[in-house]
Amino acid sequence: MPARLLIVDDEPAICFALSRFFSERGDSVFVAPAPKMPWPKLPQTRPDAIFLDIRLPGISGLEAMGETDRRR
C-alpha cells in the first residue's frame, strides 16, 4: 500500500532526491521546503511519515516536531 510522506528540508537537493525515490516506489510525497513550515499541509495530507531536517533555519527539527504533535 502506498504511503503518504511529508518531506521538510531547506536543501532542495535533499527534497528532490527523497521525493523522487519515494515517488518512483508509488508513494504520495508532499514537500514543504523549510523555512516554510508544513503546518497548513498536515490536515490535508495526513502523512504516514514525516522526514524532518534537524537543522532548519530559525527552528530546530526537534522544536518543529513538537509543533507538529500539537497541530495534529
C-alpha atoms as a PDB file:
ATOM      1  CA  MET A   1       0.000   0.000   0.000  1.00  0.00           C
ATOM      2  CA  PRO A   2       1.440   3.406  -0.921  1.00  0.00           C
ATOM      3  CA  ALA A   3       2.456   5.651   1.941  1.00  0.00           C
ATOM      4  CA  ARG A   4       1.756   9.382   2.320  1.00  0.00           C
ATOM      5  CA  LEU A   5       5.027  11.127   3.126  1.00  0.00           C
ATOM      6  CA  LEU A   6       5.871  14.706   4.055  1.00  0.00           C
ATOM      7  CA  ILE A   7       9.435  15.945   3.486  1.00  0.00           C
ATOM      8  CA  VAL A   8      10.566  19.083   5.339  1.00  0.00           C
ATOM      9  CA  ASP A   9      14.049  20.310   4.461  1.00  0.00           C
ATOM     10  CA  ASP A  10      15.753  23.562   3.485  1.00  0.00           C
ATOM     11  CA  GLU A  11      18.034  21.872   0.936  1.00  0.00           C
ATOM     12  CA  PRO A  12      16.320  21.479  -2.458  1.00  0.00           C
ATOM     13  CA  ALA A  13      18.610  18.600  -3.475  1.00  0.00           C
ATOM     14  CA  ILE A  14      17.556  16.528  -0.477  1.00  0.00           C
ATOM     15  CA  CYS A  15      13.875  17.279  -1.088  1.00  0.00           C
ATOM     16  CA  PHE A  16      14.291  16.310  -4.740  1.00  0.00           C
ATOM     17  CA  ALA A  17      16.188  13.074  -4.034  1.00  0.00           C
ATOM     18  CA  LEU A  18      13.783  11.824  -1.359  1.00  0.00           C
ATOM     19  CA  SER A  19      10.744  12.885  -3.359  1.00  0.00           C
ATOM     20  CA  ARG A  20      11.943  11.136  -6.495  1.00  0.00           C
ATOM     21  CA  PHE A  21      12.950   7.953  -4.681  1.00  0.00           C
ATOM     22  CA  PHE A  22       9.631   7.530  -2.891  1.00  0.00           C
ATOM     23  CA  SER A  23       7.501   8.709  -5.819  1.00  0.00           C
ATOM     24  CA  GLU A  24       9.084   6.057  -8.033  1.00  0.00           C
ATOM     25  CA  ARG A  25       8.055   3.464  -5.435  1.00  0.00           C
ATOM     26  CA  GLY A  26       4.461   4.641  -5.768  1.00  0.00           C
ATOM     27  CA  ASP A  27       4.227   6.653  -2.570  1.00  0.00           C
ATOM     28  CA  SER A  28       2.467  10.033  -2.359  1.00  0.00           C
ATOM     29  CA  VAL A  29       5.054  12.655  -1.498  1.00  0.00           C
ATOM     30  CA  PHE A  30       4.434  16.206  -0.294  1.00  0.00           C
ATOM     31  CA  VAL A  31       7.372  18.594   0.084  1.00  0.00           C
ATOM     32  CA  ALA A  32       7.431  21.571   2.432  1.00  0.00           C
ATOM     33  CA  PRO A  33      10.687  23.400   1.805  1.00  0.00           C
ATOM     34  CA  ALA A  34      11.862  24.966   5.044  1.00  0.00           C
ATOM     35  CA  PRO A  35      11.733  27.585   6.455  1.00  0.00           C
ATOM     36  CA  LYS A  36       8.125  27.470   5.226  1.00  0.00           C
ATOM     37  CA  MET A  37       6.744  25.105   7.800  1.00  0.00           C
ATOM     38  CA  PRO A  38       4.280  22.420   6.764  1.00  0.00           C
ATOM     39  CA  TRP A  39       1.606  23.037   9.400  1.00  0.00           C
ATOM     40  CA  PRO A  40      -1.123  24.010   6.888  1.00  0.00           C
ATOM     41  CA  LYS A  41      -0.384  20.843   4.890  1.00  0.00           C
ATOM     42  CA  LEU A  42      -0.771  18.432   7.811  1.00  0.00           C
ATOM     43  CA  PRO A  43      -4.578  18.264   7.929  1.00  0.00           C
ATOM     44  CA  GLN A  44      -4.808  17.856   4.146  1.00  0.00           C
ATOM     45  CA  THR A  45      -2.048  15.287   3.649  1.00  0.00           C
ATOM     46  CA  ARG A  46      -2.353  13.311   6.890  1.00  0.00           C
ATOM     47  CA  PRO A  47       1.129  11.849   6.315  1.00  0.00           C
ATOM     48  CA  ASP A  48       2.043   8.369   7.439  1.00  0.00           C
ATOM     49  CA  ALA A  49       5.629   9.571   7.992  1.00  0.00           C
ATOM     50  CA  ILE A  50       7.450  12.893   8.089  1.00  0.00           C
ATOM     51  CA  PHE A  51      11.088  13.324   7.023  1.00  0.00           C
ATOM     52  CA  LEU A  52      12.111  16.338   9.095  1.00  0.00           C
ATOM     53  CA  ASP A  53      15.514  18.022   8.876  1.00  0.00           C
ATOM     54  CA  ILE A  54      17.031  18.524  12.340  1.00  0.00           C
ATOM     55  CA  ARG A  55      18.797  21.798  11.427  1.00  0.00           C
ATOM     56  CA  LEU A  56      16.221  24.162   9.967  1.00  0.00           C
ATOM     57  CA  PRO A  57      16.667  27.917   9.631  1.00  0.00           C
ATOM     58  CA  GLY A  58      15.044  29.652  12.580  1.00  0.00           C
ATOM     59  CA  ILE A  59      13.850  26.464  14.314  1.00  0.00           C
ATOM     60  CA  SER A  60      15.376  23.105  15.156  1.00  0.00           C
ATOM     61  CA  GLY A  61      13.779  19.960  13.850  1.00  0.00           C
ATOM     62  CA  LEU A  62      13.115  18.882  17.422  1.00  0.00           C
ATOM     63  CA  GLU A  63      11.179  22.098  18.109  1.00  0.00           C
ATOM     64  CA  ALA A  64       9.308  21.642  14.848  1.00  0.00           C
ATOM     65  CA  MET A  65       8.425  18.082  15.834  1.00  0.00           C
ATOM     66  CA  GLY A  66       6.780  19.413  18.994  1.00  0.00           C
ATOM     67  CA  GLU A  67       4.752  21.850  16.873  1.00  0.00           C
ATOM     68  CA  THR A  68       3.704  19.002  14.599  1.00  0.00           C
ATOM     69  CA  ASP A  69       2.363  16.984  17.543  1.00  0.00           C
ATOM     70  CA  ARG A  70       0.353  19.958  18.855  1.00  0.00           C
ATOM     71  CA  ARG A  71      -1.247  20.702  15.488  1.00  0.00           C
ATOM     72  CA  ARG A  72      -2.382  17.175  14.598  1.00  0.00           C
END
